Structure formats: structure tokens, C-alpha cells
Amino acid sequence: GISVGKTSVLAKAAFEVTVSHLLAAAESAETDTLEGVTESVIVGNYIPMGTGMVDLMVNLRALKNV
């Protein structure tokens, strides 16, 4: 199925057979790093892509002359 190639517990559970994936993960004490898009959406974190990945650098000396 879809979840075969996924290593994240939450990513597997998001696509197929949620209960069995979560139970198997709990039985084997698996952890999830919450680094993927699916996992981030599930737990309400910002997704690791898009405009949220921009750092803004401001030249404060240049702003003083404006």
C-alpha cells in the first residue's frame, strides 16, 4: 500500500489502516521525528517547505538613511 515506503509512524497511519499502524508502533516503542509534511500537519506544526523556510536579513544602517 501507500504506507510501505514510509518510515514515519504518523505518515504510515495517515494513509492506511491507522489503528494497526499506531498499535504496532506503540508495541515496538517507535518514535516519530515529526520532520515530514504529513506529520507536521497532523500535530499542527509549520510544514518544512514553502515561504516559511525564508530568513530575512535587514541592513539596519541602510534603513537609518531612508
Protein backbone atom coordinates (compact mmCIF):
# COMPACT_ATOMS: atom_id res chain seq x y z
CA GLY A 1 0.00 0.00 0.00
CA ILE A 2 0.86 3.65 0.18
CA SER A 3 2.48 3.42 3.60
CA VAL A 4 5.01 0.69 2.75
CA GLY A 5 7.88 3.05 1.87
CA LYS A 6 7.24 5.50 4.70
CA THR A 7 9.29 5.30 7.88
CA SER A 8 7.39 7.83 9.97
CA VAL A 9 4.78 6.38 12.32
CA LEU A 10 2.31 9.20 11.71
CA ALA A 11 2.86 9.21 7.95
CA LYS A 12 2.05 5.49 7.81
CA ALA A 13 -1.04 5.97 9.97
CA ALA A 14 -2.26 8.90 7.86
CA PHE A 15 -2.73 6.87 4.71
CA GLU A 16 -3.85 3.34 5.59
CA VAL A 17 -5.01 1.18 8.50
CA THR A 18 -4.47 3.86 11.13
CA VAL A 19 -5.18 1.78 14.24
CA SER A 20 -2.96 -1.17 13.30
CA HIS A 21 -0.03 1.13 12.40
CA LEU A 22 -0.34 3.05 15.68
CA LEU A 23 -0.68 -0.14 17.74
CA ALA A 24 2.34 -1.74 16.07
CA ALA A 25 4.38 1.43 16.66
CA ALA A 26 3.35 1.54 20.32
CA GLU A 27 4.20 -2.15 20.84
CA SER A 28 7.70 -1.65 19.46
CA ALA A 29 8.25 1.76 21.15
CA GLU A 30 8.78 3.54 17.83
CA THR A 31 9.25 7.28 17.83
CA ASP A 32 8.49 9.89 15.19
CA THR A 33 10.80 12.83 14.46
CA LEU A 34 7.93 14.94 13.05
CA GLU A 35 10.09 16.15 10.17
CA GLY A 36 7.79 15.45 7.23
CA VAL A 37 4.87 17.39 5.81
CA THR A 38 2.22 14.85 6.86
CA GLU A 39 3.46 14.58 10.43
CA SER A 40 3.72 18.35 10.77
CA VAL A 41 0.15 18.85 9.59
CA ILE A 42 -1.16 16.17 11.96
CA VAL A 43 0.39 17.79 15.04
CA GLY A 44 -0.21 21.38 13.93
CA ASN A 45 3.41 22.39 13.25
CA TYR A 46 4.59 24.51 10.34
CA ILE A 47 5.40 22.36 7.33
CA PRO A 48 9.09 22.15 6.38
CA MET A 49 8.73 23.84 2.98
CA GLY A 50 7.42 26.89 1.22
CA THR A 51 7.61 30.51 2.32
CA GLY A 52 8.13 29.55 5.95
CA MET A 53 11.68 28.49 5.06
CA VAL A 54 12.90 32.05 4.35
CA ASP A 55 15.27 34.01 6.58
CA LEU A 56 15.05 37.79 6.29
CA MET A 57 18.20 39.84 6.69
CA VAL A 58 17.88 43.61 7.19
CA ASN A 59 20.68 46.13 6.82
CA LEU A 60 19.86 48.45 9.74
CA ARG A 61 22.45 51.06 8.65
CA ALA A 62 20.74 51.41 5.28
CA LEU A 63 17.36 51.86 6.97
CA LYS A 64 18.66 54.79 9.06
CA ASN A 65 19.43 56.70 5.84
CA VAL A 66 15.94 56.29 4.41
